[in-house]
PDB file of N, CA and C in Angstrom:
ATOM      1  N   UNK A   1      10.331 -33.754  48.087  1.00  0.00           N
ATOM      2  CA  UNK A   1      11.029 -34.979  48.259  1.00  0.00           C
ATOM      3  C   UNK A   1      11.989 -34.816  49.390  1.00  0.00           C
ATOM      4  N   UNK A   2      11.903 -35.819  50.401  1.00  0.00           N
ATOM      5  CA  UNK A   2      12.773 -35.785  51.575  1.00  0.00           C
ATOM      6  C   UNK A   2      13.742 -36.956  51.568  1.00  0.00           C
ATOM      7  N   UNK A   3      15.020 -36.810  51.632  1.00  0.00           N
ATOM      8  CA  UNK A   3      15.937 -37.807  51.694  1.00  0.00           C
ATOM      9  C   UNK A   3      16.296 -38.142  53.023  1.00  0.00           C
ATOM     10  N   UNK A   4      16.481 -39.455  53.471  1.00  0.00           N
ATOM     11  CA  UNK A   4      16.902 -39.932  54.711  1.00  0.00           C
ATOM     12  C   UNK A   4      18.118 -40.872  54.536  1.00  0.00           C
ATOM     13  N   UNK A   5      18.848 -40.851  55.605  1.00  0.00           N
ATOM     14  CA  UNK A   5      20.183 -41.672  55.653  1.00  0.00           C
ATOM     15  C   UNK A   5      19.838 -42.929  56.417  1.00  0.00           C
ATOM     16  N   UNK A   6      20.229 -44.060  55.805  1.00  0.00           N
ATOM     17  CA  UNK A   6      20.152 -45.452  56.342  1.00  0.00           C
ATOM     18  C   UNK A   6      21.599 -45.995  56.503  1.00  0.00           C
ATOM     19  N   UNK A   7      21.984 -46.343  57.627  1.00  0.00           N
ATOM     20  CA  UNK A   7      23.377 -46.898  57.808  1.00  0.00           C
ATOM     21  C   UNK A   7      23.399 -48.405  57.662  1.00  0.00           C
ATOM     22  N   UNK A   8      24.448 -48.843  56.781  1.00  0.00           N
ATOM     23  CA  UNK A   8      24.627 -50.198  56.672  1.00  0.00           C
ATOM     24  C   UNK A   8      26.037 -50.625  56.896  1.00  0.00           C
ATOM     25  N   UNK A   9      26.253 -51.898  57.183  1.00  0.00           N
ATOM     26  CA  UNK A   9      27.580 -52.299  57.554  1.00  0.00           C
ATOM     27  C   UNK A   9      28.541 -52.262  56.408  1.00  0.00           C
ATOM     28  N   UNK A  10      28.046 -52.321  55.137  1.00  0.00           N
ATOM     29  CA  UNK A  10      28.788 -52.333  53.876  1.00  0.00           C
ATOM     30  C   UNK A  10      28.860 -50.848  53.270  1.00  0.00           C
ATOM     31  N   UNK A  11      28.241 -49.973  53.824  1.00  0.00           N
ATOM     32  CA  UNK A  11      28.186 -48.503  53.220  1.00  0.00           C
ATOM     33  C   UNK A  11      26.763 -47.978  53.639  1.00  0.00           C
ATOM     34  N   UNK A  12      26.653 -46.674  53.455  1.00  0.00           N
ATOM     35  CA  UNK A  12      25.418 -46.035  53.886  1.00  0.00           C
ATOM     36  C   UNK A  12      24.577 -45.730  52.682  1.00  0.00           C
ATOM     37  N   UNK A  13      23.189 -45.671  52.897  1.00  0.00           N
ATOM     38  CA  UNK A  13      22.302 -45.303  51.809  1.00  0.00           C
ATOM     39  C   UNK A  13      21.704 -43.946  52.136  1.00  0.00           C
ATOM     40  N   UNK A  14      21.290 -43.144  51.001  1.00  0.00           N
ATOM     41  CA  UNK A  14      20.634 -42.076  51.096  1.00  0.00           C
ATOM     42  C   UNK A  14      19.357 -42.280  50.169  1.00  0.00           C
ATOM     43  N   UNK A  15      18.135 -42.346  50.853  1.00  0.00           N
ATOM     44  CA  UNK A  15      16.946 -42.767  50.014  1.00  0.00           C
ATOM     45  C   UNK A  15      15.852 -41.700  50.254  1.00  0.00           C
ATOM     46  N   UNK A  16      14.964 -41.755  49.311  1.00  0.00           N
ATOM     47  CA  UNK A  16      13.697 -40.968  49.331  1.00  0.00           C
ATOM     48  C   UNK A  16      12.778 -41.537  50.371  1.00  0.00           C
ATOM     49  N   UNK A  17      12.399 -40.761  51.408  1.00  0.00           N
ATOM     50  CA  UNK A  17      11.589 -41.293  52.436  1.00  0.00           C
ATOM     51  C   UNK A  17      10.255 -41.952  52.120  1.00  0.00           C
ATOM     52  N   UNK A  18       9.725 -41.410  51.014  1.00  0.00           N
ATOM     53  CA  UNK A  18       8.383 -41.850  50.563  1.00  0.00           C
ATOM     54  C   UNK A  18       8.546 -43.296  49.847  1.00  0.00           C
ATOM     55  N   UNK A  19       9.771 -43.711  49.523  1.00  0.00           N
ATOM     56  CA  UNK A  19       9.878 -44.847  48.782  1.00  0.00           C
ATOM     57  C   UNK A  19      10.133 -46.035  49.811  1.00  0.00           C
ATOM     58  N   UNK A  20      10.217 -45.870  51.060  1.00  0.00           N
ATOM     59  CA  UNK A  20      10.274 -46.903  52.019  1.00  0.00           C
ATOM     60  C   UNK A  20       8.873 -47.519  52.222  1.00  0.00           C
ATOM     61  N   UNK A  21       8.658 -48.854  51.956  1.00  0.00           N
ATOM     62  CA  UNK A  21       7.513 -49.421  52.012  1.00  0.00           C
ATOM     63  C   UNK A  21       7.263 -50.419  53.171  1.00  0.00           C
ATOM     64  N   UNK A  22       8.288 -51.001  53.712  1.00  0.00           N
ATOM     65  CA  UNK A  22       8.178 -51.942  54.853  1.00  0.00           C
ATOM     66  C   UNK A  22       9.464 -52.135  55.535  1.00  0.00           C
ATOM     67  N   UNK A  23       9.521 -52.633  56.770  1.00  0.00           N
ATOM     68  CA  UNK A  23      10.693 -53.033  57.552  1.00  0.00           C
ATOM     69  C   UNK A  23      10.481 -54.460  57.992  1.00  0.00           C
ATOM     70  N   UNK A  24      11.582 -55.252  57.982  1.00  0.00           N
ATOM     71  CA  UNK A  24      11.593 -56.680  58.357  1.00  0.00           C
ATOM     72  C   UNK A  24      12.788 -57.021  59.184  1.00  0.00           C
ATOM     73  N   UNK A  25      12.635 -57.628  60.321  1.00  0.00           N
ATOM     74  CA  UNK A  25      13.826 -58.172  61.072  1.00  0.00           C
ATOM     75  C   UNK A  25      14.633 -59.062  60.159  1.00  0.00           C
ATOM     76  N   UNK A  26      15.945 -58.920  60.367  1.00  0.00           N
ATOM     77  CA  UNK A  26      16.794 -59.907  59.592  1.00  0.00           C
ATOM     78  C   UNK A  26      17.881 -60.415  60.561  1.00  0.00           C
ATOM     79  N   UNK A  27      18.738 -61.260  60.062  1.00  0.00           N
ATOM     80  CA  UNK A  27      19.777 -61.852  61.023  1.00  0.00           C
ATOM     81  C   UNK A  27      20.836 -60.914  61.388  1.00  0.00           C
ATOM     82  N   UNK A  28      21.475 -61.335  62.456  1.00  0.00           N
ATOM     83  CA  UNK A  28      22.671 -60.583  63.083  1.00  0.00           C
ATOM     84  C   UNK A  28      22.330 -59.096  63.411  1.00  0.00           C
ATOM     85  N   UNK A  29      21.183 -58.797  63.909  1.00  0.00           N
ATOM     86  CA  UNK A  29      20.847 -57.485  64.341  1.00  0.00           C
ATOM     87  C   UNK A  29      20.679 -56.439  63.152  1.00  0.00           C
ATOM     88  N   UNK A  30      20.231 -57.002  62.025  1.00  0.00           N
ATOM     89  CA  UNK A  30      20.140 -56.090  60.806  1.00  0.00           C
ATOM     90  C   UNK A  30      18.633 -56.006  60.441  1.00  0.00           C
ATOM     91  N   UNK A  31      18.246 -55.150  59.598  1.00  0.00           N
ATOM     92  CA  UNK A  31      16.848 -54.948  59.200  1.00  0.00           C
ATOM     93  C   UNK A  31      16.770 -54.782  57.711  1.00  0.00           C
ATOM     94  N   UNK A  32      15.822 -55.422  57.105  1.00  0.00           N
ATOM     95  CA  UNK A  32      15.587 -55.222  55.676  1.00  0.00           C
ATOM     96  C   UNK A  32      14.637 -54.095  55.446  1.00  0.00           C
ATOM     97  N   UNK A  33      14.920 -53.240  54.517  1.00  0.00           N
ATOM     98  CA  UNK A  33      14.143 -52.116  54.285  1.00  0.00           C
ATOM     99  C   UNK A  33      13.525 -52.301  52.871  1.00  0.00           C
ATOM    100  N   UNK A  34      12.199 -52.603  52.733  1.00  0.00           N
ATOM    101  CA  UNK A  34      11.494 -52.741  51.351  1.00  0.00           C
ATOM    102  C   UNK A  34      11.430 -51.401  50.719  1.00  0.00           C
ATOM    103  N   UNK A  35      11.798 -51.389  49.412  1.00  0.00           N
ATOM    104  CA  UNK A  35      11.728 -50.089  48.722  1.00  0.00           C
ATOM    105  C   UNK A  35      10.706 -50.115  47.526  1.00  0.00           C
ATOM    106  N   UNK A  36       9.921 -49.171  47.454  1.00  0.00           N
ATOM    107  CA  UNK A  36       8.902 -49.216  46.381  1.00  0.00           C
ATOM    108  C   UNK A  36       9.665 -49.314  44.970  1.00  0.00           C
ATOM    109  N   UNK A  37       9.362 -50.299  44.078  1.00  0.00           N
ATOM    110  CA  UNK A  37       9.921 -50.487  42.936  1.00  0.00           C
ATOM    111  C   UNK A  37      11.212 -51.025  42.791  1.00  0.00           C
ATOM    112  N   UNK A  38      11.708 -51.522  43.994  1.00  0.00           N
ATOM    113  CA  UNK A  38      13.180 -52.007  44.034  1.00  0.00           C
ATOM    114  C   UNK A  38      13.441 -53.200  44.969  1.00  0.00           C
ATOM    115  N   UNK A  39      14.623 -53.661  45.026  1.00  0.00           N
ATOM    116  CA  UNK A  39      15.069 -54.672  45.997  1.00  0.00           C
ATOM    117  C   UNK A  39      15.185 -54.099  47.367  1.00  0.00           C
ATOM    118  N   UNK A  40      14.959 -54.943  48.391  1.00  0.00           N
ATOM    119  CA  UNK A  40      15.132 -54.488  49.836  1.00  0.00           C
ATOM    120  C   UNK A  40      16.482 -54.146  50.122  1.00  0.00           C
ATOM    121  N   UNK A  41      16.779 -53.159  50.974  1.00  0.00           N
ATOM    122  CA  UNK A  41      18.042 -52.754  51.461  1.00  0.00           C
ATOM    123  C   UNK A  41      18.313 -53.410  52.732  1.00  0.00           C
ATOM    124  N   UNK A  42      19.637 -53.810  52.963  1.00  0.00           N
ATOM    125  CA  UNK A  42      19.990 -54.495  54.268  1.00  0.00           C
ATOM    126  C   UNK A  42      20.721 -53.313  55.104  1.00  0.00           C
ATOM    127  N   UNK A  43      20.094 -52.906  56.239  1.00  0.00           N
ATOM    128  CA  UNK A  43      20.816 -51.857  57.070  1.00  0.00           C
ATOM    129  C   UNK A  43      21.072 -52.377  58.396  1.00  0.00           C
ATOM    130  N   UNK A  44      21.899 -51.786  59.153  1.00  0.00           N
ATOM    131  CA  UNK A  44      22.321 -52.094  60.448  1.00  0.00           C
ATOM    132  C   UNK A  44      21.279 -51.604  61.405  1.00  0.00           C
ATOM    133  N   UNK A  45      20.997 -52.374  62.497  1.00  0.00           N
ATOM    134  CA  UNK A  45      20.171 -51.977  63.565  1.00  0.00           C
ATOM    135  C   UNK A  45      18.845 -52.806  63.519  1.00  0.00           C
ATOM    136  N   UNK A  46      18.200 -52.857  64.781  1.00  0.00           N
ATOM    137  CA  UNK A  46      17.011 -53.601  64.902  1.00  0.00           C
ATOM    138  C   UNK A  46      15.789 -52.751  64.278  1.00  0.00           C
ATOM    139  N   UNK A  47      14.753 -53.470  63.937  1.00  0.00           N
ATOM    140  CA  UNK A  47      13.717 -52.892  63.248  1.00  0.00           C
ATOM    141  C   UNK A  47      13.088 -51.679  63.967  1.00  0.00           C
ATOM    142  N   UNK A  48      13.055 -51.743  65.204  1.00  0.00           N
ATOM    143  CA  UNK A  48      12.527 -50.605  66.007  1.00  0.00           C
ATOM    144  C   UNK A  48      13.419 -49.342  66.011  1.00  0.00           C
ATOM    145  N   UNK A  49      14.734 -49.688  66.023  1.00  0.00           N
ATOM    146  CA  UNK A  49      15.675 -48.527  66.011  1.00  0.00           C
ATOM    147  C   UNK A  49      15.703 -47.902  64.530  1.00  0.00           C
ATOM    148  N   UNK A  50      15.669 -48.767  63.489  1.00  0.00           N
ATOM    149  CA  UNK A  50      15.492 -48.149  62.129  1.00  0.00           C
ATOM    150  C   UNK A  50      14.255 -47.413  61.916  1.00  0.00           C
ATOM    151  N   UNK A  51      13.239 -47.882  62.399  1.00  0.00           N
ATOM    152  CA  UNK A  51      11.894 -47.200  62.335  1.00  0.00           C
ATOM    153  C   UNK A  51      11.920 -45.849  63.067  1.00  0.00           C
ATOM    154  N   UNK A  52      12.509 -45.793  64.274  1.00  0.00           N
ATOM    155  CA  UNK A  52      12.656 -44.570  64.927  1.00  0.00           C
ATOM    156  C   UNK A  52      13.446 -43.529  64.280  1.00  0.00           C
ATOM    157  N   UNK A  53      14.616 -44.012  63.608  1.00  0.00           N
ATOM    158  CA  UNK A  53      15.545 -43.225  62.848  1.00  0.00           C
ATOM    159  C   UNK A  53      14.805 -42.554  61.721  1.00  0.00           C
ATOM    160  N   UNK A  54      14.040 -43.378  60.938  1.00  0.00           N
ATOM    161  CA  UNK A  54      13.275 -42.877  59.761  1.00  0.00           C
ATOM    162  C   UNK A  54      12.342 -41.908  60.171  1.00  0.00           C
ATOM    163  N   UNK A  55      11.481 -42.079  61.315  1.00  0.00           N
ATOM    164  CA  UNK A  55      10.496 -41.158  61.691  1.00  0.00           C
ATOM    165  C   UNK A  55      11.155 -39.811  62.115  1.00  0.00           C
ATOM    166  N   UNK A  56      12.296 -39.960  62.845  1.00  0.00           N
ATOM    167  CA  UNK A  56      12.942 -38.810  63.368  1.00  0.00           C
ATOM    168  C   UNK A  56      13.444 -37.859  62.203  1.00  0.00           C
ATOM    169  N   UNK A  57      14.043 -38.577  61.188  1.00  0.00           N
ATOM    170  CA  UNK A  57      14.420 -37.822  60.066  1.00  0.00           C
ATOM    171  C   UNK A  57      13.381 -37.182  59.208  1.00  0.00           C
ATOM    172  N   UNK A  58      12.262 -37.892  59.095  1.00  0.00           N
ATOM    173  CA  UNK A  58      11.220 -37.283  58.293  1.00  0.00           C
ATOM    174  C   UNK A  58      10.602 -36.127  59.119  1.00  0.00           C
ATOM    175  N   UNK A  59      10.569 -36.235  60.468  1.00  0.00           N
ATOM    176  CA  UNK A  59      10.030 -35.138  61.212  1.00  0.00           C
ATOM    177  C   UNK A  59      10.917 -34.008  61.609  1.00  0.00           C
ATOM    178  N   UNK A  60      12.191 -34.162  61.097  1.00  0.00           N
ATOM    179  CA  UNK A  60      13.165 -33.156  61.232  1.00  0.00           C
ATOM    180  C   UNK A  60      13.976 -33.088  62.482  1.00  0.00           C
ATOM    181  N   UNK A  61      13.936 -34.252  63.354  1.00  0.00           N
ATOM    182  CA  UNK A  61      14.628 -34.347  64.623  1.00  0.00           C
ATOM    183  C   UNK A  61      16.036 -34.636  64.385  1.00  0.00           C
ATOM    184  N   UNK A  62      16.497 -35.192  63.279  1.00  0.00           N
ATOM    185  CA  UNK A  62      17.915 -35.594  63.135  1.00  0.00           C
ATOM    186  C   UNK A  62      18.489 -34.678  61.955  1.00  0.00           C
TER     187      UNK A  62
END
């Protein structure tokens, strides 16, 4: 099980990477992150930046 960090304007999340199901652009430069079996998380950053951060963390670059 690999945990990744997702930054939010209201606080940061630490989630299991395998539970990330989808990403969707949201308003004010934020991204919704769909979680398997749960409600989406609202995180800071554009969808491309969030995706790059997730991939980098999963592959051990961060």
